[in-house]
Amino acid sequence: MDDKRNLIAAILLSAAILLGWNFVADRFFPTPAKPDVTTTVAGSDGAAPAVTPPTQGQPNALPVPAAAPAVPAAQTIRPVEAVLAEGNRIPIETPALSGSINLVGARIDDITLTKYRQTIDKDAPPVRLFAPGGTQAAYFASIGWSAQDIAVPGASTMWTANGTKLTPATPVTLSWTNRTGQTFRIEYRIDDHYLITAKQTIANMGPAAVSASSYALIDRLGKPTDPHEQDSMTIHVGPTGYLDGKSVFDTDYDDLEEAPNRTVRYSSAGWLGFTDKYWLAAIIPAKGERVTAAMSSPATNNYQTLFARDFRQIAPGKQVTTTSRIFAGAKEVSTLQSYENDQGITRLSNAIDWGWFEFFEVPIFKLLDWLFKQVGNFGLAIMMLTLIIRVLMFPIANRQFSSMAQMRLVQPKMKALQERYKDDKPKMQQELMKLYKDEKINPLAGCLPILLQIPIFYALYKVLMLTIEMRHQPFILWIKDLSAPDPLHILNLFGLLPFTPPSILSIGVLALILGVTMWLQFRLNPQATDPVQQQVFKIMPWLFMFIMAPFAAGLLLYWITNNILSIGQQQWMYRKFPALKAAPAK
């Protein structure tokens, strides 16, 4: 009867853990998307909005002293290719990206990242970051001016260019002159990676002084609808920046819509923009420049980040030049850090939401990235990382094994005490504690390696989920993307049956191997004295198999490798001290 009660208690406890894990995982460990559905960057992959908001591209949160430009009528959504085919564009070409500048409005509204593909298919198109206004995923950067009593260029202004292509070697200057003698110029330069520098000049050739201010903005239509690309407890997606002296991770799209006047203002800005899991679009003032900034939602489904400078008087015959920078690209760790060091962009690397354990996660990433560059296979790099961690933790693991071995040696005495005081639980616990003290055993010593594994596992989880360097990296055979879950599921006969099992039942080959290796590892451990614990430990490997199945394949590979190394270490210790293995049988 007691055995049945213990078994029922163990099953109920395991079921509670398994069902409760879904809630915890959704909040703290969102699972990665499957490798064949990562198809968009600059907008949602859901239903398209019917029209483009009429305010898109117009500054929303700037102190505009003069009347705002006329608001254009709402535009019908059109394909990106159709909008780009209309012409009036200056091509952009670098080793990392391609696209064009729209001479209408001087917008940078066409950027594709040529080094990255939308899916793991070799023929998949490159990732599109920016798209022109009037398209489903309109997303662009724009710079301009506000002024008193004079006309300034706007969203419909046709600019004149003095070059034919923007490359790292060939800058392009755009110019436009109003009827009162003020000339506006934008000199665009671009480096080999993702940073565009825009030098804005207003020259006053009119008869009177003018007052003007320059600004830069990023405008985005829509927000991600894929649950794997949305903001979560561990990964920030949405408006971000280094504002008022700190990195902003606590503002999302809904916050902008619910804010007073749909705007959140800041008195200083190092940079600001929008972050996706792997991509970033940001505007950056000149180093040390004082600007005010805002994040806003000018209209439903439309979001904007911008900064503005104070108004300045420009006397006749004088000119004023300001410099804005635009980042549009992948969140490569080394690239972001180089911009911090070389360009003085404060904490740009915080566009990657490392979280509280950045001090631990960044070294894990750098070691894993270095190993990957040495061996050329990301799966092998994970296995080597696991081996290095096991070597570093060998003294602690040895202590754990020593404690386990001592437990095995005194197990007959423990069983005798349990039999003697089975009707007096407090006395049994008291005698067990005395036994531990007499034999110099710490029953909690075996927990230390497990506790140390938790931050390592979390750091590896963040690295796999956040860093672009790990995206779409294959291992062997069917594992084409270690940052995504195992694509082969046992329940649909490895894809032969036309259905996708729910995440809680998506048991793949790696998850099964994980369960088996954990079961083998548990069999080598000393048996728990409590009957309920015995039942729980029997179920635990298969419980973890279900829990870990939806995680990235790289995490399962790490855990499997760790289990195999643990089994090997235990077997080696048993061969070295055979009496330990035989002791409980006496």
Protein backbone atom coordinates (compact mmCIF):
# COMPACT_ATOMS: atom_id res chain seq x y z
CA MET A 1 0.00 0.00 0.00
CA ASP A 2 2.84 2.37 0.92
CA ASP A 3 4.58 1.62 -2.38
CA LYS A 4 1.45 2.51 -4.33
CA ARG A 5 1.02 5.70 -2.35
CA ASN A 6 4.64 6.66 -3.02
CA LEU A 7 4.26 5.93 -6.72
CA ILE A 8 1.10 8.05 -6.95
CA ALA A 9 2.80 10.90 -5.08
CA ALA A 10 5.78 10.73 -7.42
CA ILE A 11 3.55 10.74 -10.52
CA LEU A 12 1.50 13.70 -9.26
CA LEU A 13 4.65 15.66 -8.42
CA SER A 14 6.14 14.93 -11.84
CA ALA A 15 2.90 15.93 -13.60
CA ALA A 16 2.81 19.20 -11.65
CA ILE A 17 6.39 19.97 -12.71
CA LEU A 18 5.70 19.07 -16.33
CA LEU A 19 2.52 21.14 -16.61
CA GLY A 20 3.85 24.05 -14.57
CA TRP A 21 6.98 24.18 -16.69
CA ASN A 22 4.99 25.42 -19.71
CA PHE A 23 4.00 28.55 -17.82
CA VAL A 24 7.52 29.16 -16.53
CA ALA A 25 9.14 28.47 -19.91
CA ASP A 26 6.84 30.84 -21.81
CA ARG A 27 7.82 33.69 -19.48
CA PHE A 28 11.51 33.01 -18.91
CA PHE A 29 12.65 30.56 -21.63
CA PRO A 30 10.76 31.24 -24.88
CA THR A 31 11.62 28.50 -27.33
CA PRO A 32 13.28 29.42 -30.64
CA ALA A 33 11.36 29.40 -33.89
CA LYS A 34 11.71 26.53 -36.31
CA PRO A 35 14.42 27.12 -38.94
CA ASP A 36 12.00 27.27 -41.87
CA VAL A 37 9.73 30.02 -40.57
CA THR A 38 12.20 32.84 -39.94
CA THR A 39 11.12 34.75 -43.01
CA THR A 40 10.80 38.39 -42.08
CA VAL A 41 12.58 41.14 -40.24
CA ALA A 42 11.11 44.49 -40.95
CA GLY A 43 7.49 43.67 -40.20
CA SER A 44 4.96 41.12 -39.20
CA ASP A 45 4.18 37.98 -41.09
CA GLY A 46 0.51 38.22 -40.22
CA ALA A 47 -2.26 40.08 -42.01
CA ALA A 48 -1.17 43.28 -43.70
CA PRO A 49 -2.71 46.59 -42.66
CA ALA A 50 -5.12 47.98 -45.23
CA VAL A 51 -3.39 51.34 -45.57
CA THR A 52 -0.25 53.12 -44.49
CA PRO A 53 -0.95 55.64 -41.68
CA PRO A 54 -0.98 59.15 -43.17
CA THR A 55 1.46 60.37 -40.51
CA GLN A 56 4.16 57.81 -41.25
CA GLY A 57 7.48 59.51 -41.85
CA GLN A 58 6.39 62.81 -40.29
CA PRO A 59 8.17 63.83 -37.06
CA ASN A 60 5.74 63.24 -34.23
CA ALA A 61 7.45 64.30 -31.02
CA LEU A 62 9.61 67.27 -32.01
CA PRO A 63 9.13 70.88 -30.90
CA VAL A 64 8.02 72.15 -34.32
CA PRO A 65 7.54 75.95 -34.12
CA ALA A 66 6.12 76.37 -37.60
CA ALA A 67 3.12 74.75 -39.18
CA ALA A 68 3.70 71.07 -39.85
CA PRO A 69 3.87 69.88 -43.46
CA ALA A 70 0.65 68.89 -45.07
CA VAL A 71 -0.25 65.32 -44.11
CA PRO A 72 -0.52 63.13 -47.21
CA ALA A 73 -3.47 60.89 -47.79
CA ALA A 74 -3.24 57.30 -46.60
CA GLN A 75 -1.58 55.01 -49.11
CA THR A 76 -2.71 51.58 -50.23
CA ILE A 77 -0.30 48.78 -49.43
CA ARG A 78 1.81 47.72 -52.42
CA PRO A 79 4.56 45.11 -52.94
CA VAL A 80 8.11 46.24 -52.16
CA GLU A 81 9.25 45.40 -55.69
CA ALA A 82 6.61 47.68 -57.21
CA VAL A 83 7.63 50.64 -55.06
CA LEU A 84 11.34 50.15 -55.72
CA ALA A 85 10.70 49.92 -59.48
CA GLU A 86 9.47 53.52 -59.57
CA GLY A 87 13.07 54.75 -59.64
CA ASN A 88 14.44 58.04 -58.27
CA ARG A 89 16.96 56.09 -56.19
CA ILE A 90 20.67 56.06 -55.42
CA PRO A 91 21.99 52.47 -55.02
CA ILE A 92 23.81 51.41 -51.84
CA GLU A 93 26.41 48.65 -52.00
CA THR A 94 28.84 47.40 -49.33
CA PRO A 95 30.30 44.00 -48.41
CA ALA A 96 27.55 43.60 -45.78
CA LEU A 97 24.42 45.11 -47.29
CA SER A 98 22.74 46.47 -50.38
CA GLY A 99 19.80 48.76 -51.03
CA SER A 100 19.08 52.31 -52.07
CA ILE A 101 18.30 55.86 -50.96
CA ASN A 102 14.98 57.29 -52.06
CA LEU A 103 15.53 60.73 -53.58
CA VAL A 104 11.93 61.52 -52.67
CA GLY A 105 12.28 62.50 -49.02
CA ALA A 106 15.99 61.52 -48.87
CA ARG A 107 14.94 58.40 -46.98
CA ILE A 108 17.09 55.33 -46.42
CA ASP A 109 14.22 52.91 -46.96
CA ASP A 110 15.72 49.95 -48.82
CA ILE A 111 18.25 47.79 -46.95
CA THR A 112 18.87 44.05 -47.35
CA LEU A 113 21.55 42.21 -45.37
CA THR A 114 23.39 40.20 -47.99
CA LYS A 115 25.29 37.97 -45.53
CA TYR A 116 22.12 36.56 -43.96
CA ARG A 117 19.32 34.48 -45.43
CA GLN A 118 15.70 34.41 -44.36
CA THR A 119 15.73 30.62 -43.91
CA ILE A 120 18.26 27.78 -43.86
CA ASP A 121 17.53 27.08 -47.53
CA LYS A 122 20.60 27.97 -49.60
CA ASP A 123 18.40 29.65 -52.21
CA ALA A 124 16.47 31.72 -49.65
CA PRO A 125 16.44 35.48 -50.28
CA PRO A 126 18.55 37.77 -48.09
CA VAL A 127 17.05 39.29 -44.98
CA ARG A 128 15.27 42.58 -45.64
CA LEU A 129 15.63 45.15 -42.87
CA PHE A 130 14.27 48.42 -44.37
CA ALA A 131 11.31 48.71 -46.72
CA PRO A 132 9.76 51.82 -48.33
CA GLY A 133 6.64 53.59 -47.15
CA GLY A 134 3.46 52.26 -48.69
CA THR A 135 4.55 48.61 -48.25
CA GLN A 136 3.37 46.07 -45.70
CA ALA A 137 6.51 46.26 -43.57
CA ALA A 138 7.44 49.91 -44.14
CA TYR A 139 10.57 50.61 -42.09
CA PHE A 140 13.05 53.39 -42.81
CA ALA A 141 15.40 56.08 -41.50
CA SER A 142 14.98 59.74 -42.29
CA ILE A 143 16.72 62.98 -41.36
CA GLY A 144 15.45 66.50 -41.77
CA TRP A 145 14.91 69.98 -40.36
CA SER A 146 12.34 72.06 -38.53
CA ALA A 147 12.46 75.83 -38.98
CA GLN A 148 10.57 79.08 -38.43
CA ASP A 149 9.08 81.04 -41.33
CA ILE A 150 10.88 79.15 -44.10
CA ALA A 151 10.13 76.04 -46.13
CA VAL A 152 12.09 72.93 -45.19
CA PRO A 153 12.40 69.66 -47.14
CA GLY A 154 9.74 67.08 -46.29
CA ALA A 155 8.61 63.58 -47.13
CA SER A 156 7.65 64.50 -50.71
CA THR A 157 10.69 66.67 -51.52
CA MET A 158 12.66 65.60 -54.60
CA TRP A 159 16.38 65.92 -53.88
CA THR A 160 19.25 66.28 -56.37
CA ALA A 161 22.23 63.92 -56.05
CA ASN A 162 25.84 64.53 -57.08
CA GLY A 163 26.74 60.81 -57.22
CA THR A 164 25.42 57.59 -58.70
CA LYS A 165 26.12 55.02 -55.96
CA LEU A 166 26.81 55.07 -52.22
CA THR A 167 29.72 52.75 -51.35
CA PRO A 168 32.48 52.83 -48.70
CA ALA A 169 34.66 54.55 -51.31
CA THR A 170 32.10 56.89 -52.88
CA PRO A 171 30.00 59.22 -50.71
CA VAL A 172 26.87 60.85 -52.10
CA THR A 173 25.58 64.37 -51.42
CA LEU A 174 21.93 65.35 -51.81
CA SER A 175 20.83 68.98 -52.05
CA TRP A 176 17.64 71.05 -52.21
CA THR A 177 17.03 74.83 -52.19
CA ASN A 178 13.85 76.61 -51.15
CA ARG A 179 12.47 79.87 -52.58
CA THR A 180 13.85 82.08 -49.82
CA GLY A 181 17.52 81.27 -50.39
CA GLN A 182 18.21 78.46 -47.93
CA THR A 183 20.07 75.41 -49.28
CA PHE A 184 19.86 72.08 -47.51
CA ARG A 185 22.50 69.39 -48.07
CA ILE A 186 22.92 65.81 -46.81
CA GLU A 187 26.27 64.11 -47.34
CA TYR A 188 25.89 60.33 -46.91
CA ARG A 189 28.88 58.09 -46.16
CA ILE A 190 28.87 54.38 -45.33
CA ASP A 191 31.49 51.99 -43.94
CA ASP A 192 32.12 48.33 -44.71
CA HIS A 193 29.59 47.16 -42.13
CA TYR A 194 26.31 48.81 -41.11
CA LEU A 195 27.01 52.43 -40.14
CA ILE A 196 25.81 55.31 -42.31
CA THR A 197 26.99 58.83 -41.49
CA ALA A 198 24.77 61.74 -42.57
CA LYS A 199 26.28 65.24 -42.46
CA GLN A 200 23.39 67.74 -42.54
CA THR A 201 24.07 71.32 -43.63
CA ILE A 202 21.76 74.31 -43.94
CA ALA A 203 23.30 77.32 -45.73
CA ASN A 204 21.43 80.62 -45.38
CA MET A 205 21.85 82.69 -48.53
CA GLY A 206 18.68 84.68 -47.78
CA PRO A 207 18.50 88.32 -46.61
CA ALA A 208 17.53 87.55 -42.98
CA ALA A 209 18.56 85.24 -40.18
CA VAL A 210 16.62 82.02 -39.77
CA SER A 211 16.07 79.67 -36.83
CA ALA A 212 16.31 75.94 -37.53
CA SER A 213 16.74 72.57 -35.85
CA SER A 214 17.80 69.24 -37.34
CA TYR A 215 16.54 65.79 -36.39
CA ALA A 216 16.84 62.10 -37.23
CA LEU A 217 14.15 59.47 -36.97
CA ILE A 218 13.35 55.82 -37.59
CA ASP A 219 9.80 54.98 -38.59
CA ARG A 220 8.32 51.49 -38.45
CA LEU A 221 4.95 50.16 -39.55
CA GLY A 222 3.70 47.16 -37.59
CA LYS A 223 5.28 44.98 -34.94
CA PRO A 224 6.23 41.28 -34.93
CA THR A 225 3.31 38.87 -34.68
CA ASP A 226 5.42 35.71 -34.49
CA PRO A 227 5.42 34.78 -30.76
CA HIS A 228 9.09 33.83 -31.00
CA GLU A 229 9.97 37.36 -32.15
CA GLN A 230 8.04 39.23 -29.46
CA ASP A 231 9.18 40.77 -26.22
CA SER A 232 9.61 38.33 -23.32
CA MET A 233 10.99 38.20 -19.79
CA THR A 234 14.44 37.22 -21.05
CA ILE A 235 14.65 38.77 -24.54
CA HIS A 236 13.70 42.37 -25.29
CA VAL A 237 12.27 43.14 -28.72
CA GLY A 238 11.00 46.60 -29.65
CA PRO A 239 11.99 50.20 -28.85
CA THR A 240 15.38 50.46 -27.18
CA GLY A 241 18.39 52.72 -26.77
CA TYR A 242 20.84 54.30 -24.38
CA LEU A 243 18.71 57.10 -22.96
CA ASP A 244 19.06 59.35 -19.92
CA GLY A 245 22.22 57.52 -18.94
CA LYS A 246 20.94 53.93 -19.04
CA SER A 247 20.04 51.16 -21.45
CA VAL A 248 16.29 50.93 -22.05
CA PHE A 249 14.77 47.44 -22.02
CA ASP A 250 11.51 48.14 -20.21
CA THR A 251 9.59 49.92 -23.00
CA ASP A 252 7.68 47.95 -25.61
CA TYR A 253 5.28 48.79 -28.43
CA ASP A 254 2.22 48.66 -26.18
CA ASP A 255 3.85 51.11 -23.77
CA LEU A 256 4.18 53.68 -26.57
CA GLU A 257 0.51 53.32 -27.50
CA GLU A 258 -0.58 53.68 -23.87
CA ALA A 259 1.75 56.57 -22.94
CA PRO A 260 0.38 60.12 -22.51
CA ASN A 261 0.13 61.65 -25.99
CA ARG A 262 1.46 58.27 -27.21
CA THR A 263 4.99 59.54 -26.53
CA VAL A 264 7.83 58.78 -24.11
CA ARG A 265 10.40 61.62 -23.94
CA TYR A 266 14.05 61.64 -22.85
CA SER A 267 16.37 64.53 -22.04
CA SER A 268 19.51 62.89 -23.46
CA ALA A 269 20.37 60.13 -25.90
CA GLY A 270 23.43 58.11 -26.81
CA TRP A 271 21.42 56.19 -29.42
CA LEU A 272 17.89 54.85 -29.90
CA GLY A 273 15.92 52.74 -32.32
CA PHE A 274 14.20 49.37 -32.71
CA THR A 275 15.67 45.98 -31.97
CA ASP A 276 14.60 42.57 -33.20
CA LYS A 277 16.15 39.37 -31.95
CA TYR A 278 19.02 39.54 -34.45
CA TRP A 279 18.70 42.96 -36.12
CA LEU A 280 18.94 46.60 -35.12
CA ALA A 281 17.99 49.94 -36.63
CA ALA A 282 19.25 52.91 -34.62
CA ILE A 283 19.92 56.62 -34.93
CA ILE A 284 22.97 58.07 -33.20
CA PRO A 285 23.93 61.73 -32.65
CA ALA A 286 27.53 62.89 -32.91
CA LYS A 287 29.80 61.86 -30.04
CA GLY A 288 29.12 64.02 -26.98
CA GLU A 289 26.35 65.98 -28.69
CA ARG A 290 23.39 67.14 -26.61
CA VAL A 291 20.01 66.16 -28.05
CA THR A 292 16.51 65.42 -26.81
CA ALA A 293 14.83 62.20 -27.82
CA ALA A 294 11.45 60.49 -27.92
CA MET A 295 9.80 57.17 -28.66
CA SER A 296 6.26 57.46 -29.91
CA SER A 297 3.34 55.88 -31.72
CA PRO A 298 2.06 58.56 -34.14
CA ALA A 299 -0.80 56.33 -35.29
CA THR A 300 -2.18 52.86 -34.77
CA ASN A 301 0.38 50.23 -35.77
CA ASN A 302 2.98 52.93 -36.45
CA TYR A 303 6.04 53.48 -34.23
CA GLN A 304 8.81 56.04 -34.24
CA THR A 305 12.07 56.86 -32.46
CA LEU A 306 13.73 60.23 -33.02
CA PHE A 307 16.11 62.79 -31.60
CA ALA A 308 16.24 66.54 -32.20
CA ARG A 309 18.72 69.32 -31.60
CA ASP A 310 18.05 72.75 -30.14
CA PHE A 311 17.06 75.55 -32.52
CA ARG A 312 19.93 77.74 -33.70
CA GLN A 313 20.07 81.13 -35.36
CA ILE A 314 21.75 81.14 -38.78
CA ALA A 315 22.80 84.58 -39.97
CA PRO A 316 22.75 85.56 -43.67
CA GLY A 317 25.76 84.12 -45.47
CA LYS A 318 26.38 81.51 -42.75
CA GLN A 319 25.76 77.80 -42.52
CA VAL A 320 25.31 75.20 -39.78
CA THR A 321 26.39 71.56 -40.07
CA THR A 322 25.36 68.67 -37.82
CA THR A 323 26.16 64.98 -38.01
CA SER A 324 23.79 62.07 -37.47
CA ARG A 325 24.59 58.38 -37.76
CA ILE A 326 22.34 55.48 -38.69
CA PHE A 327 22.98 51.84 -37.81
CA ALA A 328 21.05 49.35 -39.95
CA GLY A 329 22.21 45.78 -39.74
CA ALA A 330 22.86 42.60 -37.80
CA LYS A 331 23.70 42.63 -34.09
CA GLU A 332 27.12 41.08 -34.50
CA VAL A 333 28.89 41.20 -31.15
CA SER A 334 32.30 42.22 -32.51
CA THR A 335 30.79 44.86 -34.80
CA LEU A 336 28.75 46.47 -32.04
CA GLN A 337 31.73 46.48 -29.69
CA SER A 338 33.98 48.02 -32.35
CA TYR A 339 31.49 50.87 -32.84
CA GLU A 340 31.54 51.42 -29.08
CA ASN A 341 35.33 51.62 -29.01
CA ASP A 342 36.07 53.33 -32.32
CA GLN A 343 33.01 55.56 -32.79
CA GLY A 344 32.28 56.31 -29.14
CA ILE A 345 28.69 55.01 -29.31
CA THR A 346 27.89 54.39 -25.66
CA ARG A 347 26.74 50.83 -24.85
CA LEU A 348 25.64 50.02 -28.38
CA SER A 349 26.40 46.37 -27.60
CA ASN A 350 23.48 46.51 -25.14
CA ALA A 351 21.24 46.23 -28.18
CA ILE A 352 21.83 42.56 -27.38
CA ASP A 353 19.77 41.98 -24.25
CA TRP A 354 22.32 39.99 -22.24
CA GLY A 355 20.42 40.66 -19.03
CA TRP A 356 21.82 40.52 -15.49
CA PHE A 357 24.41 37.86 -16.26
CA GLU A 358 26.21 39.72 -19.04
CA PHE A 359 29.50 39.37 -17.12
CA PHE A 360 29.16 35.60 -17.48
CA GLU A 361 27.36 35.28 -20.82
CA VAL A 362 29.79 37.35 -22.88
CA PRO A 363 32.83 35.19 -21.94
CA ILE A 364 30.80 32.06 -22.73
CA PHE A 365 29.94 33.56 -26.13
CA LYS A 366 33.52 34.59 -26.88
CA LEU A 367 34.88 31.17 -25.98
CA LEU A 368 32.20 29.40 -28.02
CA ASP A 369 32.73 31.72 -30.99
CA TRP A 370 36.51 31.16 -30.83
CA LEU A 371 36.05 27.39 -30.72
CA PHE A 372 33.66 27.58 -33.66
CA LYS A 373 36.23 29.48 -35.71
CA GLN A 374 38.85 26.85 -34.89
CA VAL A 375 36.85 23.72 -35.75
CA GLY A 376 34.36 25.10 -38.28
CA ASN A 377 31.39 23.19 -36.85
CA PHE A 378 29.15 24.78 -34.26
CA GLY A 379 28.04 21.46 -32.79
CA LEU A 380 31.64 20.38 -32.23
CA ALA A 381 32.30 23.79 -30.67
CA ILE A 382 29.47 23.21 -28.17
CA MET A 383 30.87 19.78 -27.32
CA MET A 384 34.35 21.25 -26.83
CA LEU A 385 32.91 24.02 -24.66
CA THR A 386 31.18 21.37 -22.53
CA LEU A 387 34.46 19.47 -22.17
CA ILE A 388 36.30 22.65 -21.09
CA ILE A 389 33.61 23.42 -18.51
CA ARG A 390 33.79 19.86 -17.19
CA VAL A 391 37.59 20.11 -16.86
CA LEU A 392 37.29 23.41 -14.98
CA MET A 393 34.64 21.91 -12.72
CA PHE A 394 36.52 18.62 -12.20
CA PRO A 395 37.59 19.39 -8.61
CA ILE A 396 34.01 20.24 -7.66
CA ALA A 397 32.64 17.20 -9.49
CA ASN A 398 35.27 15.05 -7.78
CA ARG A 399 34.06 16.33 -4.44
CA GLN A 400 30.51 15.52 -5.49
CA PHE A 401 31.54 11.99 -6.42
CA SER A 402 33.37 11.60 -3.14
CA SER A 403 30.23 12.59 -1.28
CA MET A 404 28.16 10.18 -3.37
CA ALA A 405 30.68 7.41 -2.74
CA GLN A 406 30.52 8.01 1.00
CA MET A 407 26.75 7.85 0.76
CA ARG A 408 27.04 4.49 -0.96
CA LEU A 409 29.37 3.21 1.78
CA VAL A 410 27.00 4.11 4.59
CA GLN A 411 23.85 3.14 2.73
CA PRO A 412 23.45 -0.18 4.63
CA LYS A 413 23.63 1.75 7.94
CA MET A 414 21.05 4.24 6.64
CA LYS A 415 18.69 1.44 5.68
CA ALA A 416 19.15 -0.16 9.09
CA LEU A 417 18.24 3.12 10.79
CA GLN A 418 15.19 3.50 8.58
CA GLU A 419 14.01 0.03 9.50
CA ARG A 420 14.68 0.58 13.21
CA TYR A 421 12.84 3.93 13.40
CA LYS A 422 10.28 3.52 10.63
CA ASP A 423 7.49 4.37 13.07
CA ASP A 424 9.28 7.41 14.49
CA LYS A 425 10.17 9.81 11.66
CA PRO A 426 11.65 12.61 13.84
CA LYS A 427 13.92 10.12 15.62
CA MET A 428 14.95 8.62 12.25
CA GLN A 429 15.93 12.06 10.92
CA GLN A 430 17.86 12.78 14.11
CA GLU A 431 19.79 9.52 13.85
CA LEU A 432 20.49 10.10 10.13
CA MET A 433 21.93 13.55 10.88
CA LYS A 434 24.10 11.99 13.60
CA LEU A 435 25.27 9.35 11.12
CA TYR A 436 26.20 12.05 8.58
CA LYS A 437 28.16 13.89 11.26
CA ASP A 438 29.97 10.79 12.49
CA GLU A 439 30.90 9.70 8.97
CA LYS A 440 31.75 13.32 7.92
CA ILE A 441 29.25 13.30 5.06
CA ASN A 442 27.61 16.39 3.60
CA PRO A 443 24.40 15.17 1.93
CA LEU A 444 24.08 18.49 0.07
CA ALA A 445 27.56 18.38 -1.48
CA GLY A 446 26.20 16.63 -4.55
CA CYS A 447 23.92 19.60 -5.28
CA LEU A 448 26.76 22.08 -5.89
CA PRO A 449 27.67 20.97 -9.44
CA ILE A 450 23.98 21.06 -10.37
CA LEU A 451 23.66 24.59 -8.98
CA LEU A 452 26.74 25.67 -10.95
CA GLN A 453 25.28 24.15 -14.11
CA ILE A 454 22.23 26.43 -13.91
CA PRO A 455 24.02 29.74 -14.76
CA ILE A 456 26.09 27.94 -17.41
CA PHE A 457 22.95 26.51 -18.98
CA TYR A 458 21.21 29.91 -18.83
CA ALA A 459 24.23 31.66 -20.36
CA LEU A 460 24.35 29.15 -23.21
CA TYR A 461 20.59 29.55 -23.68
CA LYS A 462 20.97 33.33 -24.04
CA VAL A 463 23.94 32.94 -26.40
CA LEU A 464 22.04 30.52 -28.65
CA MET A 465 18.88 32.64 -28.62
CA LEU A 466 20.39 36.11 -29.02
CA THR A 467 23.63 36.08 -30.98
CA ILE A 468 23.48 36.28 -34.76
CA GLU A 469 26.74 34.31 -34.93
CA MET A 470 24.87 31.21 -33.79
CA ARG A 471 21.87 31.63 -36.11
CA HIS A 472 21.36 28.88 -38.73
CA GLN A 473 24.53 27.01 -37.74
CA PRO A 474 24.33 23.29 -38.69
CA PHE A 475 25.75 20.25 -36.90
CA ILE A 476 25.43 16.89 -38.68
CA LEU A 477 22.80 14.93 -40.59
CA TRP A 478 19.32 16.32 -39.93
CA ILE A 479 20.45 19.08 -37.50
CA LYS A 480 20.60 22.06 -39.85
CA ASP A 481 20.16 24.81 -37.24
CA LEU A 482 21.42 24.36 -33.68
CA SER A 483 19.67 27.55 -32.56
CA ALA A 484 16.29 25.96 -33.42
CA PRO A 485 14.56 22.87 -31.97
CA ASP A 486 15.23 19.36 -33.28
CA PRO A 487 13.11 19.17 -36.47
CA LEU A 488 12.57 15.39 -36.35
CA HIS A 489 9.66 14.38 -34.10
CA ILE A 490 9.01 10.81 -33.11
CA LEU A 491 5.22 11.22 -32.87
CA ASN A 492 4.84 12.15 -36.55
CA LEU A 493 7.32 9.46 -37.59
CA PHE A 494 10.04 11.99 -38.35
CA GLY A 495 7.89 14.03 -40.69
CA LEU A 496 6.24 11.18 -42.56
CA LEU A 497 2.85 11.99 -41.01
CA PRO A 498 1.42 15.40 -42.00
CA PHE A 499 1.06 17.03 -38.59
CA THR A 500 3.21 18.89 -36.08
CA PRO A 501 2.96 17.64 -32.49
CA PRO A 502 2.31 20.22 -29.74
CA SER A 503 5.46 21.52 -28.06
CA ILE A 504 4.92 19.44 -24.92
CA LEU A 505 4.92 16.27 -27.06
CA SER A 506 7.51 17.30 -29.67
CA ILE A 507 9.98 14.61 -28.67
CA GLY A 508 12.85 14.52 -31.12
CA VAL A 509 15.84 12.25 -31.46
CA LEU A 510 18.06 14.53 -29.36
CA ALA A 511 15.44 14.70 -26.59
CA LEU A 512 15.25 10.90 -26.52
CA ILE A 513 19.05 10.62 -26.32
CA LEU A 514 18.97 13.18 -23.51
CA GLY A 515 16.46 11.08 -21.56
CA VAL A 516 18.46 7.87 -22.04
CA THR A 517 21.80 9.42 -21.01
CA MET A 518 20.22 11.03 -17.95
CA TRP A 519 18.66 7.68 -17.00
CA LEU A 520 22.04 5.97 -17.29
CA GLN A 521 23.62 8.71 -15.18
CA PHE A 522 20.97 8.39 -12.48
CA ARG A 523 21.47 4.61 -12.36
CA LEU A 524 25.10 5.15 -11.37
CA ASN A 525 24.13 7.44 -8.50
CA PRO A 526 23.43 6.01 -5.03
CA GLN A 527 19.79 5.18 -4.55
CA ALA A 528 17.81 7.64 -2.47
CA THR A 529 16.69 6.43 0.92
CA ASP A 530 13.24 7.97 0.75
CA PRO A 531 10.78 5.89 -1.33
CA VAL A 532 9.14 8.97 -2.85
CA GLN A 533 12.55 10.28 -3.92
CA GLN A 534 13.31 6.91 -5.45
CA GLN A 535 10.18 7.10 -7.59
CA VAL A 536 10.85 10.73 -8.56
CA PHE A 537 14.41 9.92 -9.64
CA LYS A 538 13.10 7.09 -11.78
CA ILE A 539 10.70 9.44 -13.54
CA MET A 540 12.99 12.49 -13.64
CA PRO A 541 15.02 11.57 -16.79
CA TRP A 542 11.86 11.13 -18.86
CA LEU A 543 10.35 14.26 -17.35
CA PHE A 544 13.39 16.24 -18.46
CA MET A 545 13.09 14.66 -21.89
CA PHE A 546 9.68 16.32 -22.31
CA ILE A 547 10.78 19.62 -20.74
CA MET A 548 13.90 20.00 -22.88
CA ALA A 549 12.40 18.83 -26.19
CA PRO A 550 11.24 22.30 -27.40
CA PHE A 551 14.59 23.97 -26.59
CA ALA A 552 17.28 24.76 -29.14
CA ALA A 553 19.08 21.66 -30.41
CA GLY A 554 22.38 23.20 -29.28
CA LEU A 555 21.21 23.20 -25.66
CA LEU A 556 20.23 19.54 -25.88
CA LEU A 557 23.61 18.76 -27.43
CA TYR A 558 25.33 20.51 -24.52
CA TRP A 559 23.29 18.57 -21.96
CA ILE A 560 23.81 15.23 -23.71
CA THR A 561 27.56 15.81 -23.90
CA ASN A 562 27.61 16.79 -20.23
CA ASN A 563 25.70 13.60 -19.30
CA ILE A 564 28.10 11.41 -21.28
CA LEU A 565 31.13 13.04 -19.67
CA SER A 566 29.54 12.60 -16.23
CA ILE A 567 28.91 8.91 -16.94
CA GLY A 568 32.48 8.50 -18.11
CA GLN A 569 33.83 10.23 -14.99
CA GLN A 570 31.70 8.06 -12.70
CA GLN A 571 32.76 4.86 -14.47
CA TRP A 572 36.39 5.88 -14.19
CA MET A 573 36.03 6.54 -10.48
CA TYR A 574 34.30 3.19 -9.94
CA ARG A 575 37.13 1.40 -11.77
CA LYS A 576 39.65 3.30 -9.68
CA PHE A 577 37.81 2.44 -6.44
CA PRO A 578 35.88 -0.78 -7.14
CA ALA A 579 35.00 -1.17 -3.46
CA LEU A 580 32.73 1.86 -3.72
CA LYS A 581 30.53 0.19 -6.30
CA ALA A 582 30.34 -3.07 -4.40
CA ALA A 583 29.86 -1.56 -0.95
CA PRO A 584 26.05 -1.21 -0.98
CA ALA A 585 25.63 -4.87 -1.91
CA LYS A 586 27.32 -6.06 1.30
